[in-house]
Amino acid sequence: MAFVKCFICGRMNSTDNVTCEGCGSDLLKGKEYEGKIYELKDYEEYHKKYGLLRIILGILILLLFY
């Protein structure tokens, strides 16, 4: 038995379930689920890459105004 993650509450559910046991929202299956996972991984990589850049730029701006 495999598990899928609910993207609303984060609970792991059986692939046999149609709705989440925790929050009751509809679970994604197959290609939709894989697409959402891929999208989230891309966002995490983007956030890691440009999050540090924003912090550095913010510190530089604060130092310029000081």
PDB file of N, CA and C in Angstrom:
ATOM      1  N   MET A   1       0.841  -1.173   0.000  1.00  0.00           N
ATOM      2  CA  MET A   1       0.000   0.000   0.000  1.00  0.00           C
ATOM      3  C   MET A   1       0.892   1.245   0.000  1.00  0.00           C
ATOM      4  N   ALA A   2       0.630   2.166  -0.886  1.00  0.00           N
ATOM      5  CA  ALA A   2       1.401   3.402  -0.990  1.00  0.00           C
ATOM      6  C   ALA A   2       0.629   4.537  -0.314  1.00  0.00           C
ATOM      7  N   PHE A   3       1.332   5.623  -0.092  1.00  0.00           N
ATOM      8  CA  PHE A   3       0.721   6.770   0.560  1.00  0.00           C
ATOM      9  C   PHE A   3       0.887   8.009  -0.311  1.00  0.00           C
ATOM     10  N   VAL A   4      -0.078   8.923  -0.200  1.00  0.00           N
ATOM     11  CA  VAL A   4      -0.007  10.224  -0.856  1.00  0.00           C
ATOM     12  C   VAL A   4      -0.177  11.288   0.215  1.00  0.00           C
ATOM     13  N   LYS A   5       0.444  12.429  -0.016  1.00  0.00           N
ATOM     14  CA  LYS A   5       0.398  13.521   0.944  1.00  0.00           C
ATOM     15  C   LYS A   5      -0.722  14.492   0.580  1.00  0.00           C
ATOM     16  N   CYS A   6      -1.458  14.916   1.578  1.00  0.00           N
ATOM     17  CA  CYS A   6      -2.474  15.956   1.377  1.00  0.00           C
ATOM     18  C   CYS A   6      -1.748  17.296   1.318  1.00  0.00           C
ATOM     19  N   PHE A   7      -2.001  18.089   0.289  1.00  0.00           N
ATOM     20  CA  PHE A   7      -1.313  19.365   0.134  1.00  0.00           C
ATOM     21  C   PHE A   7      -1.969  20.484   0.945  1.00  0.00           C
ATOM     22  N   ILE A   8      -3.093  20.199   1.570  1.00  0.00           N
ATOM     23  CA  ILE A   8      -3.754  21.193   2.417  1.00  0.00           C
ATOM     24  C   ILE A   8      -3.244  21.092   3.850  1.00  0.00           C
ATOM     25  N   CYS A   9      -3.318  19.876   4.447  1.00  0.00           N
ATOM     26  CA  CYS A   9      -2.942  19.724   5.853  1.00  0.00           C
ATOM     27  C   CYS A   9      -1.624  18.989   6.053  1.00  0.00           C
ATOM     28  N   GLY A  10      -1.098  18.320   5.024  1.00  0.00           N
ATOM     29  CA  GLY A  10       0.177  17.636   5.119  1.00  0.00           C
ATOM     30  C   GLY A  10       0.108  16.204   5.620  1.00  0.00           C
ATOM     31  N   ARG A  11      -1.068  15.685   5.859  1.00  0.00           N
ATOM     32  CA  ARG A  11      -1.214  14.325   6.375  1.00  0.00           C
ATOM     33  C   ARG A  11      -1.000  13.306   5.263  1.00  0.00           C
ATOM     34  N   MET A  12      -0.374  12.175   5.610  1.00  0.00           N
ATOM     35  CA  MET A  12      -0.170  11.082   4.668  1.00  0.00           C
ATOM     36  C   MET A  12      -1.411  10.199   4.673  1.00  0.00           C
ATOM     37  N   ASN A  13      -1.928   9.884   3.482  1.00  0.00           N
ATOM     38  CA  ASN A  13      -3.143   9.094   3.330  1.00  0.00           C
ATOM     39  C   ASN A  13      -2.877   7.915   2.403  1.00  0.00           C
ATOM     40  N   SER A  14      -3.657   6.872   2.549  1.00  0.00           N
ATOM     41  CA  SER A  14      -3.566   5.711   1.676  1.00  0.00           C
ATOM     42  C   SER A  14      -4.000   6.107   0.269  1.00  0.00           C
ATOM     43  N   THR A  15      -3.450   5.440  -0.739  1.00  0.00           N
ATOM     44  CA  THR A  15      -3.843   5.734  -2.118  1.00  0.00           C
ATOM     45  C   THR A  15      -5.274   5.289  -2.399  1.00  0.00           C
ATOM     46  N   ASP A  16      -5.844   4.461  -1.522  1.00  0.00           N
ATOM     47  CA  ASP A  16      -7.225   4.024  -1.686  1.00  0.00           C
ATOM     48  C   ASP A  16      -8.218   5.132  -1.335  1.00  0.00           C
ATOM     49  N   ASN A  17      -7.796   6.094  -0.521  1.00  0.00           N
ATOM     50  CA  ASN A  17      -8.685   7.177  -0.102  1.00  0.00           C
ATOM     51  C   ASN A  17      -8.930   8.163  -1.239  1.00  0.00           C
ATOM     52  N   VAL A  18     -10.138   8.695  -1.275  1.00  0.00           N
ATOM     53  CA  VAL A  18     -10.488   9.727  -2.253  1.00  0.00           C
ATOM     54  C   VAL A  18     -10.338  11.107  -1.620  1.00  0.00           C
ATOM     55  N   THR A  19     -10.644  11.192  -0.325  1.00  0.00           N
ATOM     56  CA  THR A  19     -10.505  12.442   0.407  1.00  0.00           C
ATOM     57  C   THR A  19      -9.535  12.247   1.561  1.00  0.00           C
ATOM     58  N   CYS A  20      -8.992  13.342   2.054  1.00  0.00           N
ATOM     59  CA  CYS A  20      -8.041  13.313   3.160  1.00  0.00           C
ATOM     60  C   CYS A  20      -8.761  12.951   4.457  1.00  0.00           C
ATOM     61  N   GLU A  21      -8.128  12.086   5.259  1.00  0.00           N
ATOM     62  CA  GLU A  21      -8.709  11.709   6.539  1.00  0.00           C
ATOM     63  C   GLU A  21      -8.631  12.844   7.548  1.00  0.00           C
ATOM     64  N   GLY A  22      -7.678  13.758   7.371  1.00  0.00           N
ATOM     65  CA  GLY A  22      -7.483  14.847   8.321  1.00  0.00           C
ATOM     66  C   GLY A  22      -8.389  16.043   8.082  1.00  0.00           C
ATOM     67  N   CYS A  23      -8.418  16.518   6.831  1.00  0.00           N
ATOM     68  CA  CYS A  23      -9.164  17.755   6.558  1.00  0.00           C
ATOM     69  C   CYS A  23     -10.352  17.568   5.621  1.00  0.00           C
ATOM     70  N   GLY A  24     -10.446  16.427   4.949  1.00  0.00           N
ATOM     71  CA  GLY A  24     -11.587  16.159   4.076  1.00  0.00           C
ATOM     72  C   GLY A  24     -11.459  16.692   2.659  1.00  0.00           C
ATOM     73  N   SER A  25     -10.322  17.277   2.321  1.00  0.00           N
ATOM     74  CA  SER A  25     -10.157  17.799   0.963  1.00  0.00           C
ATOM     75  C   SER A  25      -9.866  16.654  -0.009  1.00  0.00           C
ATOM     76  N   ASP A  26     -10.122  16.885  -1.283  1.00  0.00           N
ATOM     77  CA  ASP A  26      -9.876  15.870  -2.305  1.00  0.00           C
ATOM     78  C   ASP A  26      -8.372  15.642  -2.472  1.00  0.00           C
ATOM     79  N   LEU A  27      -7.990  14.378  -2.630  1.00  0.00           N
ATOM     80  CA  LEU A  27      -6.591  14.029  -2.836  1.00  0.00           C
ATOM     81  C   LEU A  27      -6.291  13.942  -4.326  1.00  0.00           C
ATOM     82  N   LEU A  28      -5.100  14.379  -4.711  1.00  0.00           N
ATOM     83  CA  LEU A  28      -4.670  14.281  -6.097  1.00  0.00           C
ATOM     84  C   LEU A  28      -4.155  12.872  -6.354  1.00  0.00           C
ATOM     85  N   LYS A  29      -4.342  12.374  -7.562  1.00  0.00           N
ATOM     86  CA  LYS A  29      -3.902  11.025  -7.931  1.00  0.00           C
ATOM     87  C   LYS A  29      -3.091  11.084  -9.217  1.00  0.00           C
ATOM     88  N   GLY A  30      -2.222  10.119  -9.394  1.00  0.00           N
ATOM     89  CA  GLY A  30      -1.498   9.912 -10.645  1.00  0.00           C
ATOM     90  C   GLY A  30      -0.673  11.087 -11.110  1.00  0.00           C
ATOM     91  N   LYS A  31      -0.927  11.509 -12.340  1.00  0.00           N
ATOM     92  CA  LYS A  31      -0.160  12.583 -12.988  1.00  0.00           C
ATOM     93  C   LYS A  31      -0.353  13.920 -12.270  1.00  0.00           C
ATOM     94  N   GLU A  32      -1.550  14.178 -11.762  1.00  0.00           N
ATOM     95  CA  GLU A  32      -1.794  15.432 -11.036  1.00  0.00           C
ATOM     96  C   GLU A  32      -0.923  15.510  -9.787  1.00  0.00           C
ATOM     97  N   TYR A  33      -0.829  14.395  -9.055  1.00  0.00           N
ATOM     98  CA  TYR A  33      -0.019  14.342  -7.837  1.00  0.00           C
ATOM     99  C   TYR A  33       1.456  14.542  -8.175  1.00  0.00           C
ATOM    100  N   GLU A  34       1.951  13.838  -9.194  1.00  0.00           N
ATOM    101  CA  GLU A  34       3.347  13.960  -9.600  1.00  0.00           C
ATOM    102  C   GLU A  34       3.663  15.381 -10.058  1.00  0.00           C
ATOM    103  N   GLY A  35       2.737  16.008 -10.786  1.00  0.00           N
ATOM    104  CA  GLY A  35       2.933  17.383 -11.230  1.00  0.00           C
ATOM    105  C   GLY A  35       3.030  18.354 -10.072  1.00  0.00           C
ATOM    106  N   LYS A  36       2.195  18.163  -9.067  1.00  0.00           N
ATOM    107  CA  LYS A  36       2.211  19.036  -7.888  1.00  0.00           C
ATOM    108  C   LYS A  36       3.507  18.874  -7.110  1.00  0.00           C
ATOM    109  N   ILE A  37       3.983  17.622  -6.956  1.00  0.00           N
ATOM    110  CA  ILE A  37       5.252  17.374  -6.271  1.00  0.00           C
ATOM    111  C   ILE A  37       6.401  18.052  -7.015  1.00  0.00           C
ATOM    112  N   TYR A  38       6.415  17.926  -8.345  1.00  0.00           N
ATOM    113  CA  TYR A  38       7.454  18.553  -9.166  1.00  0.00           C
ATOM    114  C   TYR A  38       7.411  20.079  -9.019  1.00  0.00           C
ATOM    115  N   GLU A  39       6.214  20.633  -9.001  1.00  0.00           N
ATOM    116  CA  GLU A  39       6.040  22.080  -8.854  1.00  0.00           C
ATOM    117  C   GLU A  39       6.569  22.560  -7.507  1.00  0.00           C
ATOM    118  N   LEU A  40       6.294  21.812  -6.452  1.00  0.00           N
ATOM    119  CA  LEU A  40       6.763  22.186  -5.124  1.00  0.00           C
ATOM    120  C   LEU A  40       8.282  22.105  -5.016  1.00  0.00           C
ATOM    121  N   LYS A  41       8.888  21.102  -5.642  1.00  0.00           N
ATOM    122  CA  LYS A  41      10.348  20.981  -5.628  1.00  0.00           C
ATOM    123  C   LYS A  41      10.982  22.156  -6.356  1.00  0.00           C
ATOM    124  N   ASP A  42      10.385  22.568  -7.484  1.00  0.00           N
ATOM    125  CA  ASP A  42      10.899  23.723  -8.216  1.00  0.00           C
ATOM    126  C   ASP A  42      10.812  24.981  -7.366  1.00  0.00           C
ATOM    127  N   TYR A  43       9.709  25.162  -6.630  1.00  0.00           N
ATOM    128  CA  TYR A  43       9.538  26.336  -5.781  1.00  0.00           C
ATOM    129  C   TYR A  43      10.567  26.339  -4.654  1.00  0.00           C
ATOM    130  N   GLU A  44      10.817  25.172  -4.056  1.00  0.00           N
ATOM    131  CA  GLU A  44      11.790  25.093  -2.972  1.00  0.00           C
ATOM    132  C   GLU A  44      13.189  25.454  -3.464  1.00  0.00           C
ATOM    133  N   GLU A  45      13.557  24.979  -4.647  1.00  0.00           N
ATOM    134  CA  GLU A  45      14.862  25.320  -5.212  1.00  0.00           C
ATOM    135  C   GLU A  45      14.959  26.813  -5.493  1.00  0.00           C
ATOM    136  N   TYR A  46      13.909  27.406  -6.041  1.00  0.00           N
ATOM    137  CA  TYR A  46      13.875  28.841  -6.317  1.00  0.00           C
ATOM    138  C   TYR A  46      14.004  29.629  -5.020  1.00  0.00           C
ATOM    139  N   HIS A  47      13.266  29.191  -4.006  1.00  0.00           N
ATOM    140  CA  HIS A  47      13.271  29.893  -2.720  1.00  0.00           C
ATOM    141  C   HIS A  47      14.653  29.838  -2.066  1.00  0.00           C
ATOM    142  N   LYS A  48      15.313  28.680  -2.120  1.00  0.00           N
ATOM    143  CA  LYS A  48      16.647  28.557  -1.551  1.00  0.00           C
ATOM    144  C   LYS A  48      17.639  29.439  -2.294  1.00  0.00           C
ATOM    145  N   LYS A  49      17.527  29.460  -3.607  1.00  0.00           N
ATOM    146  CA  LYS A  49      18.480  30.191  -4.434  1.00  0.00           C
ATOM    147  C   LYS A  49      18.346  31.701  -4.241  1.00  0.00           C
ATOM    148  N   TYR A  50      17.123  32.206  -4.298  1.00  0.00           N
ATOM    149  CA  TYR A  50      16.929  33.649  -4.258  1.00  0.00           C
ATOM    150  C   TYR A  50      16.627  34.183  -2.864  1.00  0.00           C
ATOM    151  N   GLY A  51      16.346  33.327  -1.898  1.00  0.00           N
ATOM    152  CA  GLY A  51      16.113  33.765  -0.525  1.00  0.00           C
ATOM    153  C   GLY A  51      17.373  34.355   0.072  1.00  0.00           C
ATOM    154  N   LEU A  52      18.496  33.686  -0.128  1.00  0.00           N
ATOM    155  CA  LEU A  52      19.770  34.174   0.386  1.00  0.00           C
ATOM    156  C   LEU A  52      20.166  35.478  -0.294  1.00  0.00           C
ATOM    157  N   LEU A  53      19.903  35.581  -1.571  1.00  0.00           N
ATOM    158  CA  LEU A  53      20.209  36.814  -2.305  1.00  0.00           C
ATOM    159  C   LEU A  53      19.411  37.996  -1.740  1.00  0.00           C
ATOM    160  N   ARG A  54      18.154  37.783  -1.405  1.00  0.00           N
ATOM    161  CA  ARG A  54      17.333  38.856  -0.824  1.00  0.00           C
ATOM    162  C   ARG A  54      17.868  39.298   0.526  1.00  0.00           C
ATOM    163  N   ILE A  55      18.324  38.355   1.339  1.00  0.00           N
ATOM    164  CA  ILE A  55      18.876  38.697   2.648  1.00  0.00           C
ATOM    165  C   ILE A  55      20.137  39.534   2.491  1.00  0.00           C
ATOM    166  N   ILE A  56      21.005  39.123   1.582  1.00  0.00           N
ATOM    167  CA  ILE A  56      22.251  39.867   1.359  1.00  0.00           C
ATOM    168  C   ILE A  56      21.955  41.272   0.846  1.00  0.00           C
ATOM    169  N   LEU A  57      21.044  41.391  -0.104  1.00  0.00           N
ATOM    170  CA  LEU A  57      20.684  42.722  -0.619  1.00  0.00           C
ATOM    171  C   LEU A  57      20.057  43.591   0.473  1.00  0.00           C
ATOM    172  N   GLY A  58      19.244  43.006   1.310  1.00  0.00           N
ATOM    173  CA  GLY A  58      18.630  43.757   2.408  1.00  0.00           C
ATOM    174  C   GLY A  58      19.670  44.285   3.371  1.00  0.00           C
ATOM    175  N   ILE A  59      20.642  43.460   3.707  1.00  0.00           N
ATOM    176  CA  ILE A  59      21.713  43.898   4.613  1.00  0.00           C
ATOM    177  C   ILE A  59      22.531  45.010   3.968  1.00  0.00           C
ATOM    178  N   LEU A  60      22.840  44.873   2.694  1.00  0.00           N
ATOM    179  CA  LEU A  60      23.606  45.921   2.001  1.00  0.00           C
ATOM    180  C   LEU A  60      22.851  47.246   1.972  1.00  0.00           C
ATOM    181  N   ILE A  61      21.567  47.199   1.730  1.00  0.00           N
ATOM    182  CA  ILE A  61      20.754  48.417   1.717  1.00  0.00           C
ATOM    183  C   ILE A  61      20.724  49.061   3.089  1.00  0.00           C
ATOM    184  N   LEU A  62      20.571  48.243   4.123  1.00  0.00           N
ATOM    185  CA  LEU A  62      20.582  48.790   5.489  1.00  0.00           C
ATOM    186  C   LEU A  62      21.928  49.436   5.815  1.00  0.00           C
ATOM    187  N   LEU A  63      23.012  48.813   5.394  1.00  0.00           N
ATOM    188  CA  LEU A  63      24.331  49.384   5.630  1.00  0.00           C
ATOM    189  C   LEU A  63      24.550  50.689   4.870  1.00  0.00           C
ATOM    190  N   LEU A  64      23.990  50.794   3.667  1.00  0.00           N
ATOM    191  CA  LEU A  64      24.113  52.033   2.888  1.00  0.00           C
ATOM    192  C   LEU A  64      23.365  53.188   3.558  1.00  0.00           C
ATOM    193  N   PHE A  65      22.235  52.916   4.138  1.00  0.00           N
ATOM    194  CA  PHE A  65      21.461  53.977   4.802  1.00  0.00           C
ATOM    195  C   PHE A  65      21.988  54.304   6.182  1.00  0.00           C
ATOM    196  N   TYR A  66      22.784  53.445   6.743  1.00  0.00           N
ATOM    197  CA  TYR A  66      23.353  53.690   8.060  1.00  0.00           C
ATOM    198  C   TYR A  66      24.501  54.650   7.929  1.00  0.00           C
TER     199      TYR A  66
END
